[in-house]
Amino acid sequence: MSLHADALAVLGGWVAPDDAQEVLRRRYVGHLAAHPDGLDRSCLPDHLTASTLVASPDGSRVLLTLHARAGRWFQLGGHCEAADTTLAGAALREATEESGLASGPALDPVPLQLSEHPVPFCGPRPEGPDGSSDRARTTHHLDVRFLAVADPDAPLGISDESADLRWWPADALPDPDADMLHLVALARARL
């Protein structure tokens, strides 16, 4: 099975936790149906990404990375790669690469949350008819977010994409937006 087929199967069968997530689930499935390359970073202006919220076993802490380009704290994740065969596998690969956790976190293969968000620094802009870059066409990540559990005492390693990496109390996140608060609440409810 290809990564594209896995993504369609996972998202097609996923039971969204609320109406807003169901709207996104349908959007993602429609995107994949229309774009065989919908998981590739070259699919512009939108493409699927995979990420993981790593939590302590009791859900009291979460591991976040200070994204070097965005300058904000996020869960671990990023673009799918050619070698990825499943969305969950892509999310786990990203989490392991970005955390430096030697044994890798224990990933729940069922998506936790979907998040569509603009990423103005991601990828080249498609050229307009006159050869100029169309700045109005901002890239959007259609992020599929998973949950993983790891020991907060395990050694960490910061990747080149991160300015910092650390465990945060789940109820005292740095500059949280509504999307991150929702993600953490869903994770704590699942744990």
N, C-alpha and C. Protein backbone atom coordinates (compact mmCIF):
# COMPACT_ATOMS: atom_id res chain seq x y z
N MET A 1 0.85 -1.19 0.00
CA MET A 1 0.00 0.00 0.00
C MET A 1 0.89 1.24 0.00
N SER A 2 0.52 2.21 -0.79
CA SER A 2 1.29 3.46 -0.86
C SER A 2 0.91 4.38 0.30
N LEU A 3 1.75 5.39 0.51
CA LEU A 3 1.45 6.39 1.53
C LEU A 3 0.12 7.08 1.23
N HIS A 4 -0.12 7.40 -0.04
CA HIS A 4 -1.37 8.05 -0.44
C HIS A 4 -2.56 7.16 -0.11
N ALA A 5 -2.49 5.88 -0.44
CA ALA A 5 -3.58 4.95 -0.14
C ALA A 5 -3.78 4.79 1.36
N ASP A 6 -2.67 4.75 2.11
CA ASP A 6 -2.77 4.66 3.58
C ASP A 6 -3.47 5.90 4.13
N ALA A 7 -3.08 7.07 3.66
CA ALA A 7 -3.68 8.31 4.15
C ALA A 7 -5.18 8.36 3.86
N LEU A 8 -5.57 7.95 2.65
CA LEU A 8 -6.99 7.91 2.32
C LEU A 8 -7.74 6.93 3.21
N ALA A 9 -7.15 5.77 3.46
CA ALA A 9 -7.80 4.77 4.32
C ALA A 9 -7.91 5.26 5.76
N VAL A 10 -6.83 5.82 6.28
CA VAL A 10 -6.83 6.31 7.67
C VAL A 10 -7.84 7.43 7.85
N LEU A 11 -7.79 8.42 6.97
CA LEU A 11 -8.69 9.56 7.11
C LEU A 11 -10.12 9.22 6.73
N GLY A 12 -10.29 8.30 5.79
CA GLY A 12 -11.62 7.88 5.40
C GLY A 12 -12.34 7.15 6.52
N GLY A 13 -11.59 6.44 7.36
CA GLY A 13 -12.18 5.67 8.44
C GLY A 13 -12.13 6.33 9.80
N TRP A 14 -11.46 7.49 9.88
CA TRP A 14 -11.28 8.15 11.17
C TRP A 14 -12.58 8.76 11.66
N VAL A 15 -12.90 8.56 12.93
CA VAL A 15 -14.08 9.17 13.54
C VAL A 15 -13.63 10.46 14.22
N ALA A 16 -14.04 11.58 13.64
CA ALA A 16 -13.65 12.89 14.16
C ALA A 16 -14.29 13.14 15.52
N PRO A 17 -13.56 13.82 16.43
CA PRO A 17 -14.09 14.05 17.77
C PRO A 17 -15.17 15.14 17.86
N ASP A 18 -15.32 15.95 16.80
CA ASP A 18 -16.34 17.01 16.82
C ASP A 18 -16.64 17.45 15.39
N ASP A 19 -17.63 18.33 15.24
CA ASP A 19 -18.07 18.77 13.92
C ASP A 19 -16.98 19.51 13.14
N ALA A 20 -16.22 20.35 13.81
CA ALA A 20 -15.15 21.10 13.13
C ALA A 20 -14.09 20.15 12.59
N GLN A 21 -13.76 19.12 13.36
CA GLN A 21 -12.78 18.14 12.90
C GLN A 21 -13.34 17.31 11.74
N GLU A 22 -14.64 17.06 11.74
CA GLU A 22 -15.26 16.33 10.63
C GLU A 22 -15.20 17.13 9.34
N VAL A 23 -15.38 18.45 9.43
CA VAL A 23 -15.25 19.31 8.25
C VAL A 23 -13.82 19.19 7.69
N LEU A 24 -12.82 19.23 8.57
CA LEU A 24 -11.43 19.09 8.12
C LEU A 24 -11.17 17.70 7.55
N ARG A 25 -11.71 16.67 8.18
CA ARG A 25 -11.52 15.30 7.68
C ARG A 25 -12.01 15.21 6.23
N ARG A 26 -13.17 15.75 5.97
CA ARG A 26 -13.72 15.73 4.61
C ARG A 26 -12.85 16.54 3.66
N ARG A 27 -12.34 17.67 4.12
CA ARG A 27 -11.45 18.49 3.29
C ARG A 27 -10.19 17.71 2.92
N TYR A 28 -9.60 17.04 3.90
CA TYR A 28 -8.37 16.27 3.66
C TYR A 28 -8.64 15.13 2.67
N VAL A 29 -9.72 14.40 2.87
CA VAL A 29 -10.05 13.29 1.97
C VAL A 29 -10.29 13.84 0.56
N GLY A 30 -11.00 14.95 0.43
CA GLY A 30 -11.21 15.57 -0.87
C GLY A 30 -9.91 16.01 -1.52
N HIS A 31 -9.03 16.57 -0.71
CA HIS A 31 -7.71 16.99 -1.22
C HIS A 31 -6.95 15.79 -1.77
N LEU A 32 -6.93 14.70 -1.02
CA LEU A 32 -6.21 13.50 -1.48
C LEU A 32 -6.86 12.90 -2.72
N ALA A 33 -8.18 12.91 -2.77
CA ALA A 33 -8.88 12.37 -3.94
C ALA A 33 -8.55 13.18 -5.20
N ALA A 34 -8.37 14.48 -5.05
CA ALA A 34 -8.09 15.35 -6.19
C ALA A 34 -6.60 15.43 -6.54
N HIS A 35 -5.73 15.05 -5.58
CA HIS A 35 -4.29 15.23 -5.78
C HIS A 35 -3.53 13.95 -5.42
N PRO A 36 -3.14 13.16 -6.41
CA PRO A 36 -2.34 11.96 -6.11
C PRO A 36 -1.01 12.31 -5.41
N ASP A 37 -0.56 13.57 -5.58
CA ASP A 37 0.67 14.04 -4.94
C ASP A 37 0.36 14.87 -3.69
N GLY A 38 -0.82 14.72 -3.11
CA GLY A 38 -1.29 15.57 -2.03
C GLY A 38 -0.52 15.48 -0.73
N LEU A 39 0.42 14.51 -0.61
CA LEU A 39 1.27 14.41 0.57
C LEU A 39 2.68 14.95 0.31
N ASP A 40 2.94 15.36 -0.90
CA ASP A 40 4.28 15.85 -1.27
C ASP A 40 4.38 17.35 -1.03
N ARG A 41 5.50 17.79 -0.52
CA ARG A 41 5.69 19.22 -0.28
C ARG A 41 5.63 20.02 -1.57
N SER A 42 5.80 19.36 -2.71
CA SER A 42 5.70 20.05 -4.00
C SER A 42 4.26 20.29 -4.42
N CYS A 43 3.29 19.70 -3.73
CA CYS A 43 1.87 19.92 -4.02
C CYS A 43 1.48 21.26 -3.39
N LEU A 44 1.34 22.27 -4.24
CA LEU A 44 1.06 23.62 -3.75
C LEU A 44 -0.28 24.10 -4.29
N PRO A 45 -1.01 24.86 -3.54
CA PRO A 45 -0.55 25.51 -2.31
C PRO A 45 -0.77 24.69 -1.04
N ASP A 46 -1.37 23.49 -1.12
CA ASP A 46 -1.66 22.70 0.08
C ASP A 46 -1.07 21.29 -0.02
N HIS A 47 -0.63 20.76 1.13
CA HIS A 47 -0.21 19.36 1.19
C HIS A 47 -0.32 18.86 2.63
N LEU A 48 -0.51 17.53 2.75
CA LEU A 48 -0.60 16.92 4.07
C LEU A 48 0.76 16.84 4.72
N THR A 49 0.79 17.01 6.04
CA THR A 49 1.97 16.80 6.86
C THR A 49 1.57 15.88 8.01
N ALA A 50 2.56 15.39 8.74
CA ALA A 50 2.29 14.48 9.86
C ALA A 50 3.06 14.95 11.08
N SER A 51 2.38 14.99 12.21
CA SER A 51 3.05 15.43 13.43
C SER A 51 2.59 14.61 14.63
N THR A 52 3.33 14.78 15.72
CA THR A 52 3.07 14.00 16.93
C THR A 52 3.20 14.88 18.16
N LEU A 53 2.17 14.82 18.99
CA LEU A 53 2.28 15.42 20.31
C LEU A 53 2.81 14.32 21.22
N VAL A 54 4.02 14.51 21.73
CA VAL A 54 4.63 13.54 22.65
C VAL A 54 4.26 13.98 24.07
N ALA A 55 3.68 13.06 24.83
CA ALA A 55 3.23 13.35 26.19
C ALA A 55 3.89 12.38 27.17
N SER A 56 3.96 12.80 28.41
CA SER A 56 4.39 11.90 29.47
C SER A 56 3.28 10.86 29.67
N PRO A 57 3.60 9.70 30.24
CA PRO A 57 2.58 8.65 30.39
C PRO A 57 1.32 9.11 31.13
N ASP A 58 1.45 10.03 32.07
CA ASP A 58 0.27 10.50 32.81
C ASP A 58 -0.38 11.73 32.18
N GLY A 59 0.18 12.23 31.07
CA GLY A 59 -0.39 13.38 30.38
C GLY A 59 -0.14 14.71 31.03
N SER A 60 0.68 14.74 32.07
CA SER A 60 0.92 16.00 32.77
C SER A 60 1.92 16.91 32.07
N ARG A 61 2.73 16.33 31.17
CA ARG A 61 3.72 17.12 30.44
C ARG A 61 3.71 16.76 28.97
N VAL A 62 4.09 17.73 28.14
CA VAL A 62 4.19 17.52 26.71
C VAL A 62 5.54 18.04 26.22
N LEU A 63 6.07 17.36 25.22
CA LEU A 63 7.36 17.72 24.63
C LEU A 63 7.11 18.61 23.42
N LEU A 64 7.64 19.83 23.46
CA LEU A 64 7.45 20.78 22.36
C LEU A 64 8.80 21.24 21.84
N THR A 65 8.80 21.63 20.57
CA THR A 65 10.00 22.15 19.94
C THR A 65 9.79 23.61 19.57
N LEU A 66 10.81 24.41 19.77
CA LEU A 66 10.78 25.81 19.34
C LEU A 66 11.26 25.82 17.90
N HIS A 67 10.31 25.92 16.98
CA HIS A 67 10.62 25.85 15.55
C HIS A 67 11.51 27.02 15.15
N ALA A 68 12.65 26.71 14.55
CA ALA A 68 13.63 27.74 14.25
C ALA A 68 13.10 28.78 13.27
N ARG A 69 12.37 28.36 12.25
CA ARG A 69 11.89 29.31 11.24
C ARG A 69 10.64 30.06 11.70
N ALA A 70 9.76 29.38 12.41
CA ALA A 70 8.50 30.01 12.84
C ALA A 70 8.67 30.81 14.12
N GLY A 71 9.67 30.43 14.95
CA GLY A 71 9.88 31.13 16.22
C GLY A 71 8.77 30.85 17.23
N ARG A 72 8.10 29.70 17.11
CA ARG A 72 6.99 29.34 18.01
C ARG A 72 7.17 27.90 18.47
N TRP A 73 6.54 27.59 19.60
CA TRP A 73 6.57 26.25 20.16
C TRP A 73 5.47 25.40 19.52
N PHE A 74 5.85 24.22 19.02
CA PHE A 74 4.92 23.31 18.36
C PHE A 74 5.18 21.87 18.82
N GLN A 75 4.22 21.00 18.47
CA GLN A 75 4.46 19.57 18.59
C GLN A 75 5.50 19.20 17.53
N LEU A 76 6.01 17.99 17.58
CA LEU A 76 7.03 17.54 16.64
C LEU A 76 6.37 17.09 15.34
N GLY A 77 6.98 17.38 14.21
CA GLY A 77 6.40 16.92 12.95
C GLY A 77 6.92 17.66 11.76
N GLY A 78 6.39 17.27 10.61
CA GLY A 78 6.82 17.92 9.37
C GLY A 78 6.33 17.20 8.13
N HIS A 79 7.08 17.37 7.07
CA HIS A 79 6.70 16.84 5.76
C HIS A 79 6.89 15.33 5.67
N CYS A 80 6.03 14.72 4.89
CA CYS A 80 6.18 13.31 4.56
C CYS A 80 7.33 13.17 3.58
N GLU A 81 7.99 12.03 3.61
CA GLU A 81 9.12 11.78 2.72
C GLU A 81 8.84 10.57 1.84
N ALA A 82 9.60 10.44 0.77
CA ALA A 82 9.38 9.37 -0.20
C ALA A 82 9.44 7.97 0.42
N ALA A 83 10.25 7.79 1.44
CA ALA A 83 10.39 6.47 2.08
C ALA A 83 9.25 6.14 3.04
N ASP A 84 8.43 7.13 3.40
CA ASP A 84 7.31 6.89 4.32
C ASP A 84 6.25 6.05 3.63
N THR A 85 5.72 5.06 4.33
CA THR A 85 4.67 4.21 3.77
C THR A 85 3.32 4.39 4.47
N THR A 86 3.35 5.01 5.67
CA THR A 86 2.11 5.28 6.40
C THR A 86 2.19 6.67 7.02
N LEU A 87 1.01 7.26 7.25
CA LEU A 87 0.97 8.56 7.94
C LEU A 87 1.53 8.43 9.36
N ALA A 88 1.11 7.36 10.05
CA ALA A 88 1.60 7.15 11.42
C ALA A 88 3.11 6.97 11.42
N GLY A 89 3.63 6.26 10.44
CA GLY A 89 5.08 6.07 10.33
C GLY A 89 5.81 7.38 10.08
N ALA A 90 5.22 8.24 9.24
CA ALA A 90 5.83 9.56 8.99
C ALA A 90 5.84 10.39 10.26
N ALA A 91 4.74 10.35 11.01
CA ALA A 91 4.65 11.10 12.27
C ALA A 91 5.68 10.59 13.28
N LEU A 92 5.83 9.27 13.37
CA LEU A 92 6.80 8.70 14.30
C LEU A 92 8.23 9.03 13.87
N ARG A 93 8.52 8.96 12.59
CA ARG A 93 9.86 9.30 12.09
C ARG A 93 10.19 10.74 12.46
N GLU A 94 9.26 11.66 12.19
CA GLU A 94 9.49 13.07 12.52
C GLU A 94 9.71 13.26 14.02
N ALA A 95 8.88 12.61 14.83
CA ALA A 95 9.00 12.76 16.29
C ALA A 95 10.34 12.23 16.79
N THR A 96 10.77 11.12 16.23
CA THR A 96 12.05 10.53 16.65
C THR A 96 13.22 11.41 16.20
N GLU A 97 13.18 11.87 14.94
CA GLU A 97 14.25 12.73 14.43
C GLU A 97 14.35 14.03 15.22
N GLU A 98 13.20 14.64 15.52
CA GLU A 98 13.21 15.96 16.15
C GLU A 98 13.38 15.92 17.66
N SER A 99 13.17 14.76 18.28
CA SER A 99 13.31 14.67 19.74
C SER A 99 14.64 14.08 20.16
N GLY A 100 15.23 13.27 19.29
CA GLY A 100 16.45 12.58 19.66
C GLY A 100 16.21 11.43 20.62
N LEU A 101 14.94 11.08 20.88
CA LEU A 101 14.64 9.95 21.76
C LEU A 101 15.16 8.68 21.12
N ALA A 102 16.12 8.04 21.75
CA ALA A 102 16.82 6.90 21.16
C ALA A 102 15.89 5.76 20.78
N SER A 103 14.95 5.40 21.63
CA SER A 103 14.07 4.28 21.32
C SER A 103 12.81 4.74 20.60
N GLY A 104 12.63 6.03 20.45
CA GLY A 104 11.42 6.56 19.82
C GLY A 104 10.25 6.48 20.77
N PRO A 105 9.34 7.42 20.67
CA PRO A 105 8.16 7.40 21.53
C PRO A 105 7.18 6.31 21.08
N ALA A 106 6.31 5.87 21.99
CA ALA A 106 5.29 4.87 21.67
C ALA A 106 4.09 5.59 21.04
N LEU A 107 3.89 5.38 19.75
CA LEU A 107 2.88 6.11 18.98
C LEU A 107 1.55 5.37 18.93
N ASP A 108 0.47 6.11 19.16
CA ASP A 108 -0.89 5.62 18.92
C ASP A 108 -1.16 5.87 17.44
N PRO A 109 -1.46 4.82 16.64
CA PRO A 109 -1.60 4.99 15.19
C PRO A 109 -2.92 5.64 14.75
N VAL A 110 -3.80 5.95 15.67
CA VAL A 110 -5.07 6.61 15.34
C VAL A 110 -4.87 8.12 15.45
N PRO A 111 -5.18 8.88 14.38
CA PRO A 111 -5.01 10.33 14.48
C PRO A 111 -5.74 10.92 15.68
N LEU A 112 -5.17 11.98 16.21
CA LEU A 112 -5.73 12.67 17.37
C LEU A 112 -6.48 13.93 16.94
N GLN A 113 -5.91 14.67 15.98
CA GLN A 113 -6.47 15.96 15.58
C GLN A 113 -5.99 16.29 14.17
N LEU A 114 -6.80 17.07 13.46
CA LEU A 114 -6.41 17.62 12.16
C LEU A 114 -6.30 19.13 12.32
N SER A 115 -5.35 19.73 11.63
CA SER A 115 -5.17 21.18 11.72
C SER A 115 -4.71 21.72 10.37
N GLU A 116 -5.52 22.58 9.78
CA GLU A 116 -5.13 23.27 8.56
C GLU A 116 -4.64 24.65 8.96
N HIS A 117 -3.41 24.98 8.53
CA HIS A 117 -2.86 26.29 8.90
C HIS A 117 -1.92 26.81 7.82
N PRO A 118 -1.89 28.13 7.64
CA PRO A 118 -0.98 28.72 6.65
C PRO A 118 0.46 28.63 7.12
N VAL A 119 1.35 28.42 6.16
CA VAL A 119 2.79 28.35 6.45
C VAL A 119 3.49 29.19 5.38
N PRO A 120 3.60 30.49 5.63
CA PRO A 120 4.13 31.39 4.60
C PRO A 120 5.58 31.12 4.22
N PHE A 121 6.33 30.45 5.08
CA PHE A 121 7.75 30.21 4.77
C PHE A 121 7.99 28.83 4.16
N CYS A 122 6.93 28.10 3.83
CA CYS A 122 7.08 26.74 3.33
C CYS A 122 6.98 26.70 1.81
N GLY A 123 8.05 26.32 1.18
CA GLY A 123 8.02 26.05 -0.25
C GLY A 123 7.98 27.27 -1.13
N PRO A 124 8.40 27.07 -2.39
CA PRO A 124 8.35 28.17 -3.35
C PRO A 124 6.91 28.45 -3.76
N ARG A 125 6.63 29.68 -4.11
CA ARG A 125 5.30 30.07 -4.56
C ARG A 125 5.17 29.73 -6.04
N PRO A 126 4.00 29.28 -6.44
CA PRO A 126 3.80 29.04 -7.88
C PRO A 126 3.96 30.35 -8.64
N GLU A 127 4.54 30.26 -9.82
CA GLU A 127 4.73 31.47 -10.62
C GLU A 127 3.41 31.88 -11.27
N GLY A 128 3.20 33.18 -11.34
CA GLY A 128 2.03 33.70 -12.02
C GLY A 128 2.23 33.65 -13.53
N PRO A 129 1.20 34.01 -14.31
CA PRO A 129 1.31 33.94 -15.77
C PRO A 129 2.41 34.83 -16.34
N ASP A 130 2.76 35.89 -15.61
CA ASP A 130 3.80 36.80 -16.09
C ASP A 130 5.19 36.41 -15.58
N GLY A 131 5.28 35.23 -14.88
CA GLY A 131 6.56 34.77 -14.36
C GLY A 131 6.86 35.27 -12.96
N SER A 132 6.01 36.13 -12.42
CA SER A 132 6.26 36.65 -11.08
C SER A 132 5.67 35.70 -10.04
N SER A 133 6.19 35.78 -8.86
CA SER A 133 5.70 34.94 -7.76
C SER A 133 4.38 35.49 -7.25
N ASP A 134 3.41 34.61 -7.02
CA ASP A 134 2.10 35.01 -6.51
C ASP A 134 2.11 34.89 -5.00
N ARG A 135 2.39 35.99 -4.30
CA ARG A 135 2.50 36.00 -2.84
C ARG A 135 1.16 35.71 -2.15
N ALA A 136 0.07 35.89 -2.86
CA ALA A 136 -1.24 35.66 -2.25
C ALA A 136 -1.51 34.17 -2.05
N ARG A 137 -0.78 33.32 -2.73
CA ARG A 137 -1.00 31.88 -2.63
C ARG A 137 -0.08 31.30 -1.56
N THR A 138 -0.46 31.47 -0.33
CA THR A 138 0.31 30.95 0.79
C THR A 138 0.11 29.45 0.90
N THR A 139 1.17 28.74 1.19
CA THR A 139 1.09 27.30 1.40
C THR A 139 0.34 27.00 2.68
N HIS A 140 -0.49 25.96 2.65
CA HIS A 140 -1.20 25.49 3.84
C HIS A 140 -0.77 24.06 4.14
N HIS A 141 -0.44 23.81 5.39
CA HIS A 141 -0.22 22.45 5.85
C HIS A 141 -1.54 21.88 6.31
N LEU A 142 -1.86 20.71 5.81
CA LEU A 142 -3.02 19.95 6.25
C LEU A 142 -2.46 18.89 7.18
N ASP A 143 -2.27 19.27 8.43
CA ASP A 143 -1.53 18.45 9.38
C ASP A 143 -2.42 17.38 10.00
N VAL A 144 -1.91 16.15 10.00
CA VAL A 144 -2.55 15.03 10.68
C VAL A 144 -1.71 14.77 11.93
N ARG A 145 -2.35 14.95 13.09
CA ARG A 145 -1.62 14.91 14.36
C ARG A 145 -1.92 13.64 15.13
N PHE A 146 -0.85 13.03 15.62
CA PHE A 146 -0.93 11.79 16.38
C PHE A 146 -0.48 12.04 17.82
N LEU A 147 -0.66 11.04 18.66
CA LEU A 147 -0.24 11.09 20.06
C LEU A 147 0.78 9.99 20.30
N ALA A 148 1.82 10.33 21.03
CA ALA A 148 2.82 9.35 21.44
C ALA A 148 3.16 9.59 22.91
N VAL A 149 3.64 8.56 23.55
CA VAL A 149 4.03 8.63 24.96
C VAL A 149 5.52 8.34 25.06
N ALA A 150 6.20 9.11 25.91
CA ALA A 150 7.63 8.91 26.13
C ALA A 150 7.96 9.26 27.58
N ASP A 151 9.06 8.72 28.04
CA ASP A 151 9.56 9.00 29.39
C ASP A 151 10.17 10.40 29.41
N PRO A 152 9.65 11.30 30.23
CA PRO A 152 10.19 12.66 30.25
C PRO A 152 11.61 12.75 30.81
N ASP A 153 12.12 11.65 31.37
CA ASP A 153 13.49 11.65 31.88
C ASP A 153 14.49 11.11 30.85
N ALA A 154 13.99 10.64 29.71
CA ALA A 154 14.89 10.12 28.67
C ALA A 154 15.68 11.27 28.06
N PRO A 155 16.93 11.01 27.67
CA PRO A 155 17.73 12.07 27.05
C PRO A 155 17.12 12.53 25.72
N LEU A 156 17.25 13.83 25.46
CA LEU A 156 16.73 14.43 24.24
C LEU A 156 17.87 14.94 23.37
N GLY A 157 17.59 15.15 22.10
CA GLY A 157 18.56 15.73 21.18
C GLY A 157 17.85 16.70 20.25
N ILE A 158 18.32 17.92 20.19
CA ILE A 158 17.69 18.96 19.37
C ILE A 158 18.14 18.81 17.92
N SER A 159 17.16 18.82 17.00
CA SER A 159 17.47 18.73 15.57
C SER A 159 17.84 20.10 15.02
N ASP A 160 18.32 20.11 13.77
CA ASP A 160 18.70 21.36 13.11
C ASP A 160 17.51 22.29 12.89
N GLU A 161 16.29 21.71 12.86
CA GLU A 161 15.09 22.51 12.61
C GLU A 161 14.60 23.24 13.86
N SER A 162 15.19 22.90 15.01
CA SER A 162 14.70 23.44 16.28
C SER A 162 15.70 24.39 16.91
N ALA A 163 15.17 25.42 17.57
CA ALA A 163 16.01 26.32 18.36
C ALA A 163 16.07 25.83 19.80
N ASP A 164 15.08 25.05 20.22
CA ASP A 164 15.01 24.52 21.58
C ASP A 164 14.04 23.34 21.59
N LEU A 165 14.13 22.53 22.60
CA LEU A 165 13.28 21.36 22.77
C LEU A 165 13.15 21.14 24.26
N ARG A 166 11.90 21.07 24.75
CA ARG A 166 11.75 20.84 26.19
C ARG A 166 10.35 20.36 26.54
N TRP A 167 10.29 19.75 27.73
CA TRP A 167 9.02 19.32 28.30
C TRP A 167 8.35 20.50 28.98
N TRP A 168 7.04 20.63 28.77
CA TRP A 168 6.25 21.69 29.37
C TRP A 168 5.10 21.08 30.17
N PRO A 169 4.72 21.71 31.28
CA PRO A 169 3.50 21.26 31.95
C PRO A 169 2.32 21.42 30.98
N ALA A 170 1.48 20.41 30.90
CA ALA A 170 0.35 20.44 29.96
C ALA A 170 -0.61 21.59 30.25
N ASP A 171 -0.62 22.07 31.47
CA ASP A 171 -1.51 23.18 31.82
C ASP A 171 -0.78 24.52 31.89
N ALA A 172 0.45 24.58 31.38
CA ALA A 172 1.22 25.84 31.36
C ALA A 172 2.08 25.89 30.09
N LEU A 173 1.42 25.85 28.95
CA LEU A 173 2.11 25.84 27.66
C LEU A 173 2.62 27.23 27.31
N PRO A 174 3.72 27.30 26.55
CA PRO A 174 4.25 28.61 26.15
C PRO A 174 3.44 29.18 24.99
N ASP A 175 2.89 30.35 25.14
CA ASP A 175 2.13 31.04 24.09
C ASP A 175 1.16 30.13 23.33
N PRO A 176 0.28 29.45 24.05
CA PRO A 176 -0.59 28.50 23.36
C PRO A 176 -1.69 29.21 22.56
N ASP A 177 -1.98 28.65 21.38
CA ASP A 177 -3.15 29.12 20.65
C ASP A 177 -4.27 28.10 20.87
N ALA A 178 -5.45 28.41 20.38
CA ALA A 178 -6.61 27.54 20.61
C ALA A 178 -6.38 26.14 20.04
N ASP A 179 -5.69 26.06 18.91
CA ASP A 179 -5.42 24.78 18.27
C ASP A 179 -4.55 23.88 19.16
N MET A 180 -3.51 24.46 19.75
CA MET A 180 -2.63 23.70 20.63
C MET A 180 -3.35 23.29 21.91
N LEU A 181 -4.15 24.18 22.46
CA LEU A 181 -4.91 23.83 23.66
C LEU A 181 -5.88 22.69 23.38
N HIS A 182 -6.51 22.71 22.22
CA HIS A 182 -7.42 21.63 21.81
C HIS A 182 -6.65 20.32 21.65
N LEU A 183 -5.48 20.38 21.01
CA LEU A 183 -4.66 19.20 20.81
C LEU A 183 -4.28 18.57 22.15
N VAL A 184 -3.82 19.37 23.08
CA VAL A 184 -3.41 18.86 24.39
C VAL A 184 -4.61 18.29 25.16
N ALA A 185 -5.75 18.96 25.07
CA ALA A 185 -6.96 18.46 25.74
C ALA A 185 -7.37 17.11 25.16
N LEU A 186 -7.31 16.96 23.84
CA LEU A 186 -7.64 15.67 23.22
C LEU A 186 -6.66 14.59 23.67
N ALA A 187 -5.38 14.94 23.75
CA ALA A 187 -4.37 13.97 24.18
C ALA A 187 -4.62 13.53 25.61
N ARG A 188 -4.88 14.46 26.49
CA ARG A 188 -5.10 14.12 27.90
C ARG A 188 -6.36 13.25 28.05
N ALA A 189 -7.38 13.53 27.25
CA ALA A 189 -8.60 12.73 27.32
C ALA A 189 -8.34 11.31 26.81
N ARG A 190 -7.47 11.16 25.79
CA ARG A 190 -7.18 9.83 25.26
C ARG A 190 -6.32 9.03 26.21
N LEU A 191 -5.42 9.71 26.93
CA LEU A 191 -4.54 8.98 27.86
C LEU A 191 -5.36 8.51 29.05
